[in-house]
N, C-alpha and C. Protein backbone atom coordinates (compact mmCIF):
# COMPACT_ATOMS: atom_id res chain seq x y z
N MET A 1 16.79 27.78 19.99
CA MET A 1 16.77 27.42 18.56
C MET A 1 16.27 29.12 17.38
N THR A 2 16.37 28.91 16.62
CA THR A 2 15.13 28.71 15.02
C THR A 2 13.75 28.29 14.93
N VAL A 3 13.19 29.24 14.36
CA VAL A 3 12.13 28.10 13.13
C VAL A 3 13.12 27.60 12.59
N PRO A 4 13.99 27.55 11.91
CA PRO A 4 14.95 26.78 10.83
C PRO A 4 15.29 25.24 11.21
N ASP A 5 15.27 26.00 12.89
CA ASP A 5 16.43 25.03 12.99
C ASP A 5 15.26 23.84 13.66
N PHE A 6 14.11 23.84 14.70
CA PHE A 6 13.56 23.30 14.83
C PHE A 6 12.90 22.55 13.39
N ILE A 7 12.04 23.34 11.84
CA ILE A 7 12.27 22.34 11.31
C ILE A 7 13.19 21.77 10.59
N HIS A 8 14.30 22.11 10.81
CA HIS A 8 15.52 20.75 10.15
C HIS A 8 15.65 19.53 11.29
N ALA A 9 15.16 20.34 12.31
CA ALA A 9 15.71 18.48 13.31
C ALA A 9 14.34 17.92 13.17
N GLY A 10 13.24 18.63 12.82
CA GLY A 10 11.70 17.56 13.18
C GLY A 10 11.82 16.29 11.07
N GLU A 11 12.30 17.23 10.64
CA GLU A 11 12.59 16.43 9.36
C GLU A 11 14.35 15.30 9.52
N THR A 12 15.03 16.07 9.56
CA THR A 12 15.81 15.01 10.77
C THR A 12 15.23 13.56 11.18
N HIS A 13 13.98 13.71 11.63
CA HIS A 13 14.24 12.80 13.38
C HIS A 13 12.10 11.41 12.29
N VAL A 14 11.87 12.37 11.59
CA VAL A 14 11.33 12.32 9.80
C VAL A 14 11.80 10.74 9.25
N ILE A 15 13.20 11.48 8.36
CA ILE A 15 13.65 10.09 8.13
C ILE A 15 14.25 9.46 8.58
N THR A 16 15.50 9.51 9.71
CA THR A 16 15.96 8.41 10.34
C THR A 16 15.06 7.76 11.15
N ARG A 17 13.72 7.82 11.12
CA ARG A 17 12.85 6.68 11.96
C ARG A 17 11.97 6.21 10.10
N ILE A 18 12.06 6.73 9.34
CA ILE A 18 11.85 6.25 8.19
C ILE A 18 12.93 4.86 7.70
N GLU A 19 13.83 5.25 7.84
CA GLU A 19 14.67 4.78 7.06
C GLU A 19 15.11 3.59 8.12
N ARG A 20 14.96 3.36 9.79
CA ARG A 20 14.94 2.08 11.09
C ARG A 20 14.04 1.34 10.62
N GLN A 21 12.97 2.00 10.13
CA GLN A 21 11.61 1.86 9.37
C GLN A 21 11.75 0.23 8.13
N ALA A 22 12.37 0.96 7.38
CA ALA A 22 12.96 -0.16 5.83
C ALA A 22 13.88 -1.05 7.20
N GLU A 23 14.78 -1.23 7.32
CA GLU A 23 15.83 -2.03 7.26
C GLU A 23 14.71 -2.33 8.20
N GLY A 24 13.87 -1.68 9.23
CA GLY A 24 13.31 -3.41 10.04
C GLY A 24 12.49 -4.62 9.25
N ILE A 25 11.86 -3.38 8.04
CA ILE A 25 10.59 -4.35 7.34
C ILE A 25 11.46 -5.51 6.95
N THR A 26 12.95 -4.41 6.62
CA THR A 26 13.36 -5.85 5.43
C THR A 26 13.89 -7.00 6.02
N ALA A 27 14.53 -6.72 7.52
CA ALA A 27 14.43 -7.94 8.60
C ALA A 27 13.87 -8.41 8.36
N ALA A 28 12.57 -8.05 8.64
CA ALA A 28 11.81 -9.26 8.99
C ALA A 28 12.01 -10.07 8.42
N ARG A 29 11.15 -9.55 6.52
CA ARG A 29 11.25 -10.55 5.99
C ARG A 29 12.15 -11.49 5.26
N LYS A 30 12.55 -11.03 5.61
CA LYS A 30 14.75 -12.34 5.49
C LYS A 30 14.25 -13.46 6.75
N ARG A 31 13.80 -12.92 7.06
CA ARG A 31 13.32 -14.06 8.55
C ARG A 31 11.16 -14.65 8.09
N GLY A 32 10.70 -14.26 7.17
CA GLY A 32 9.64 -14.67 7.03
C GLY A 32 8.21 -14.30 8.13
N ILE A 33 8.05 -13.21 8.08
CA ILE A 33 7.44 -13.19 9.47
C ILE A 33 7.14 -11.58 8.12
N TYR A 34 7.28 -10.82 8.41
CA TYR A 34 6.15 -9.72 7.51
C TYR A 34 6.42 -9.72 6.33
N LYS A 35 5.01 -10.04 5.39
CA LYS A 35 4.85 -10.01 4.36
C LYS A 35 4.22 -9.59 3.72
N GLY A 36 3.79 -8.49 4.39
CA GLY A 36 2.98 -7.60 3.80
C GLY A 36 1.93 -7.32 4.32
N ARG A 37 0.73 -7.06 3.88
CA ARG A 37 -0.79 -6.57 3.44
C ARG A 37 -1.29 -7.87 2.45
N PRO A 38 -2.22 -8.17 2.45
CA PRO A 38 -3.37 -9.76 1.45
C PRO A 38 -3.88 -8.34 0.17
N PRO A 39 -3.26 -8.96 -0.94
CA PRO A 39 -4.17 -8.39 -2.14
C PRO A 39 -5.77 -8.94 -1.51
N LYS A 40 -6.99 -7.42 -1.78
CA LYS A 40 -8.23 -7.81 -1.43
C LYS A 40 -8.64 -7.54 -3.04
N ILE A 41 -7.88 -7.57 -3.87
CA ILE A 41 -8.72 -7.73 -5.67
C ILE A 41 -8.22 -8.86 -6.11
N ASP A 42 -8.91 -9.97 -6.40
CA ASP A 42 -8.41 -10.56 -6.68
C ASP A 42 -9.16 -10.46 -8.99
N ARG A 43 -7.52 -9.94 -8.86
CA ARG A 43 -7.88 -9.96 -10.90
C ARG A 43 -7.40 -10.76 -11.61
N ALA A 44 -7.93 -12.28 -11.21
CA ALA A 44 -8.82 -12.92 -11.99
C ALA A 44 -10.01 -13.05 -12.52
N GLU A 45 -10.62 -12.60 -10.96
CA GLU A 45 -12.33 -12.66 -11.02
C GLU A 45 -12.22 -11.33 -12.08
N ILE A 46 -11.64 -10.75 -11.71
CA ILE A 46 -11.88 -8.99 -12.68
C ILE A 46 -11.67 -8.62 -14.53
N LEU A 47 -10.44 -9.88 -14.34
CA LEU A 47 -10.21 -9.91 -15.93
C LEU A 47 -11.23 -11.24 -16.20
N LEU A 48 -12.41 -12.11 -15.27
CA LEU A 48 -13.23 -13.04 -15.84
C LEU A 48 -15.16 -12.68 -16.24
N ARG A 49 -15.07 -11.77 -15.75
CA ARG A 49 -15.39 -11.15 -15.55
C ARG A 49 -15.92 -9.77 -16.57
N LEU A 50 -14.99 -9.03 -16.59
CA LEU A 50 -14.74 -8.37 -17.57
C LEU A 50 -14.59 -9.18 -19.35
N GLN A 51 -14.35 -10.58 -19.60
CA GLN A 51 -14.21 -11.39 -20.83
C GLN A 51 -15.85 -11.46 -20.88
N GLN A 52 -16.22 -11.14 -19.58
CA GLN A 52 -18.16 -11.85 -19.84
C GLN A 52 -19.04 -10.73 -20.30
N GLY A 53 -17.86 -9.59 -20.25
CA GLY A 53 -19.09 -7.88 -20.42
C GLY A 53 -19.39 -7.68 -19.80
N GLN A 54 -19.55 -7.75 -18.18
CA GLN A 54 -20.15 -7.07 -16.91
C GLN A 54 -18.76 -5.52 -17.33
N GLY A 55 -19.57 -4.71 -16.64
CA GLY A 55 -18.94 -2.77 -16.43
C GLY A 55 -17.70 -3.09 -15.97
N PRO A 56 -17.20 -2.54 -15.96
CA PRO A 56 -16.57 -1.60 -14.23
C PRO A 56 -17.32 -1.82 -13.04
N SER A 57 -17.86 -0.66 -13.90
CA SER A 57 -18.91 -0.14 -11.78
C SER A 57 -19.29 -1.14 -11.98
N LYS A 58 -20.26 -2.21 -12.34
CA LYS A 58 -21.07 -2.85 -12.19
C LYS A 58 -19.89 -3.76 -11.40
N ILE A 59 -17.99 -4.45 -11.61
CA ILE A 59 -17.68 -5.02 -10.75
C ILE A 59 -17.44 -4.71 -9.92
N ALA A 60 -16.66 -3.59 -10.11
CA ALA A 60 -16.59 -2.77 -8.31
C ALA A 60 -18.21 -2.74 -7.36
N ARG A 61 -18.50 -3.37 -7.15
CA ARG A 61 -19.76 -2.80 -6.95
C ARG A 61 -19.65 -3.83 -6.24
N ASP A 62 -19.92 -5.47 -6.92
CA ASP A 62 -19.92 -6.92 -5.91
C ASP A 62 -18.88 -6.81 -5.87
N LEU A 63 -17.76 -6.28 -6.50
CA LEU A 63 -16.93 -6.93 -5.19
C LEU A 63 -16.25 -6.34 -4.58
N GLY A 64 -16.72 -4.73 -3.79
CA GLY A 64 -17.04 -3.56 -2.33
C GLY A 64 -15.16 -3.32 -3.03
N ILE A 65 -15.18 -3.18 -4.52
CA ILE A 65 -13.76 -2.67 -4.52
C ILE A 65 -14.74 -1.13 -5.37
N SER A 66 -13.15 -0.10 -5.43
CA SER A 66 -13.61 1.21 -6.82
C SER A 66 -12.69 0.86 -7.63
N PRO A 67 -13.65 1.81 -8.44
CA PRO A 67 -14.40 1.69 -10.23
C PRO A 67 -12.96 1.66 -10.98
N GLY A 68 -12.25 2.22 -9.87
CA GLY A 68 -10.50 3.40 -10.77
C GLY A 68 -9.58 1.68 -10.43
N ALA A 69 -10.03 0.79 -9.61
CA ALA A 69 -9.64 -0.38 -9.24
C ALA A 69 -9.76 -1.36 -10.30
N VAL A 70 -10.52 -1.56 -10.83
CA VAL A 70 -11.21 -1.93 -12.31
C VAL A 70 -9.99 -2.20 -13.74
């Protein structure tokens, strides 16, 4: 086997793994088992604080999130 053959074999393995994982997640969602990660950011809280005049940096510090998420 040459180097390009190894690269192709590795890419094929990764693609197959990703496809199988996606199929498993879809099946689990249908059964109600896989719901994903719970949201960390409370959008309502952010909007309320913005309306109260707080800046994004302060909101981010208080909520423990990145300012870019605000």
